[in-house]
């Protein structure tokens, strides 16, 4: 379960999740799932539409918006193992 809040002593706390959506490639069902997750975790999950081109642009968008001191990038195709 995700937990919102600033608990500096607990490294398992997630401060924010930024989901970058491609206007041209993200399927409507994926957007519906993202929207349902936002309803469950409105303080943590942010949905942003990509404005820079290609995968590199999406990554740059995410890093530009991230507020934390530690950032994890996860590709939608699970190229990066989530474990």
C-alpha atoms as a PDB file:
ATOM      1  CA  UNK A   1       0.000   0.000   0.000  1.00  0.00           C
ATOM      2  CA  UNK A   2       1.220   3.516  -0.793  1.00  0.00           C
ATOM      3  CA  UNK A   3       1.488   5.913   2.083  1.00  0.00           C
ATOM      4  CA  UNK A   4       1.354   9.675   1.692  1.00  0.00           C
ATOM      5  CA  UNK A   5       3.261  11.843   4.054  1.00  0.00           C
ATOM      6  CA  UNK A   6       6.665  13.106   4.967  1.00  0.00           C
ATOM      7  CA  UNK A   7       8.134  10.522   7.309  1.00  0.00           C
ATOM      8  CA  UNK A   8      11.857  11.151   6.997  1.00  0.00           C
ATOM      9  CA  UNK A   9      12.785   8.105   9.078  1.00  0.00           C
ATOM     10  CA  UNK A  10      10.898   5.620   6.918  1.00  0.00           C
ATOM     11  CA  UNK A  11      12.606   4.954   3.551  1.00  0.00           C
ATOM     12  CA  UNK A  12       9.534   3.088   2.294  1.00  0.00           C
ATOM     13  CA  UNK A  13       7.449   6.257   2.091  1.00  0.00           C
ATOM     14  CA  UNK A  14       6.572   7.394  -1.414  1.00  0.00           C
ATOM     15  CA  UNK A  15       6.161  11.139  -1.740  1.00  0.00           C
ATOM     16  CA  UNK A  16       4.967  11.253  -5.345  1.00  0.00           C
ATOM     17  CA  UNK A  17       4.414   9.204  -8.458  1.00  0.00           C
ATOM     18  CA  UNK A  18       4.476  11.073 -11.744  1.00  0.00           C
ATOM     19  CA  UNK A  19       2.955   9.213 -14.683  1.00  0.00           C
ATOM     20  CA  UNK A  20       3.874  10.673 -18.066  1.00  0.00           C
ATOM     21  CA  UNK A  21       1.252   9.934 -20.731  1.00  0.00           C
ATOM     22  CA  UNK A  22       1.869  10.005 -24.466  1.00  0.00           C
ATOM     23  CA  UNK A  23      -1.041  11.729 -26.214  1.00  0.00           C
ATOM     24  CA  UNK A  24      -0.574   9.538 -29.279  1.00  0.00           C
ATOM     25  CA  UNK A  25       0.400   6.152 -27.858  1.00  0.00           C
ATOM     26  CA  UNK A  26      -1.189   5.639 -24.428  1.00  0.00           C
ATOM     27  CA  UNK A  27      -4.296   3.478 -24.777  1.00  0.00           C
ATOM     28  CA  UNK A  28      -7.591   4.629 -23.259  1.00  0.00           C
ATOM     29  CA  UNK A  29      -7.732   1.572 -20.983  1.00  0.00           C
ATOM     30  CA  UNK A  30      -4.352   2.504 -19.544  1.00  0.00           C
ATOM     31  CA  UNK A  31      -5.583   6.029 -18.855  1.00  0.00           C
ATOM     32  CA  UNK A  32      -8.656   4.608 -17.102  1.00  0.00           C
ATOM     33  CA  UNK A  33      -6.422   2.503 -14.837  1.00  0.00           C
ATOM     34  CA  UNK A  34      -4.251   5.534 -14.088  1.00  0.00           C
ATOM     35  CA  UNK A  35      -7.351   7.594 -13.273  1.00  0.00           C
ATOM     36  CA  UNK A  36      -8.604   4.893 -10.893  1.00  0.00           C
ATOM     37  CA  UNK A  37      -5.226   4.873  -9.130  1.00  0.00           C
ATOM     38  CA  UNK A  38      -5.352   8.660  -8.829  1.00  0.00           C
ATOM     39  CA  UNK A  39      -8.733   8.326  -7.131  1.00  0.00           C
ATOM     40  CA  UNK A  40      -7.168   5.936  -4.580  1.00  0.00           C
ATOM     41  CA  UNK A  41      -4.003   8.007  -4.050  1.00  0.00           C
ATOM     42  CA  UNK A  42      -4.811  11.612  -5.034  1.00  0.00           C
ATOM     43  CA  UNK A  43      -2.012  13.124  -2.929  1.00  0.00           C
ATOM     44  CA  UNK A  44       0.678  10.897  -4.426  1.00  0.00           C
ATOM     45  CA  UNK A  45      -0.084  10.175  -8.099  1.00  0.00           C
ATOM     46  CA  UNK A  46       0.098  12.883 -10.779  1.00  0.00           C
ATOM     47  CA  UNK A  47      -0.866  12.336 -14.402  1.00  0.00           C
ATOM     48  CA  UNK A  48       1.041  14.511 -16.865  1.00  0.00           C
ATOM     49  CA  UNK A  49       0.698  14.566 -20.639  1.00  0.00           C
ATOM     50  CA  UNK A  50       4.058  14.429 -22.377  1.00  0.00           C
ATOM     51  CA  UNK A  51       5.046  17.630 -24.152  1.00  0.00           C
ATOM     52  CA  UNK A  52       8.595  16.720 -25.204  1.00  0.00           C
ATOM     53  CA  UNK A  53       9.036  14.132 -28.002  1.00  0.00           C
ATOM     54  CA  UNK A  54       9.961  10.466 -27.731  1.00  0.00           C
ATOM     55  CA  UNK A  55      10.996   8.431 -24.694  1.00  0.00           C
ATOM     56  CA  UNK A  56      13.829  10.819 -23.876  1.00  0.00           C
ATOM     57  CA  UNK A  57      11.340  13.684 -23.773  1.00  0.00           C
ATOM     58  CA  UNK A  58       9.058  11.772 -21.422  1.00  0.00           C
ATOM     59  CA  UNK A  59      11.984  11.042 -19.114  1.00  0.00           C
ATOM     60  CA  UNK A  60      13.056  14.683 -19.180  1.00  0.00           C
ATOM     61  CA  UNK A  61       9.465  15.787 -18.422  1.00  0.00           C
ATOM     62  CA  UNK A  62       9.389  13.493 -15.399  1.00  0.00           C
ATOM     63  CA  UNK A  63      12.753  14.543 -14.032  1.00  0.00           C
ATOM     64  CA  UNK A  64      11.883  18.216 -14.505  1.00  0.00           C
ATOM     65  CA  UNK A  65       8.691  17.750 -12.452  1.00  0.00           C
ATOM     66  CA  UNK A  66      10.111  15.507  -9.721  1.00  0.00           C
ATOM     67  CA  UNK A  67      10.490  17.152  -6.336  1.00  0.00           C
ATOM     68  CA  UNK A  68      12.220  14.381  -4.406  1.00  0.00           C
ATOM     69  CA  UNK A  69      15.862  13.765  -3.714  1.00  0.00           C
ATOM     70  CA  UNK A  70      15.647  10.230  -5.141  1.00  0.00           C
ATOM     71  CA  UNK A  71      14.034   9.439  -8.487  1.00  0.00           C
ATOM     72  CA  UNK A  72      13.181   6.078 -10.049  1.00  0.00           C
ATOM     73  CA  UNK A  73      12.314   5.758 -13.730  1.00  0.00           C
ATOM     74  CA  UNK A  74      10.029   2.904 -14.799  1.00  0.00           C
ATOM     75  CA  UNK A  75       9.285   2.317 -18.483  1.00  0.00           C
ATOM     76  CA  UNK A  76       5.741   1.274 -19.337  1.00  0.00           C
ATOM     77  CA  UNK A  77       6.969  -1.861 -21.093  1.00  0.00           C
ATOM     78  CA  UNK A  78       8.602  -3.032 -17.838  1.00  0.00           C
ATOM     79  CA  UNK A  79      12.026  -2.855 -19.449  1.00  0.00           C
ATOM     80  CA  UNK A  80      13.222  -2.040 -15.920  1.00  0.00           C
ATOM     81  CA  UNK A  81      12.460  -4.721 -13.312  1.00  0.00           C
ATOM     82  CA  UNK A  82      10.176  -3.118 -10.671  1.00  0.00           C
ATOM     83  CA  UNK A  83      11.820  -5.170  -7.907  1.00  0.00           C
END
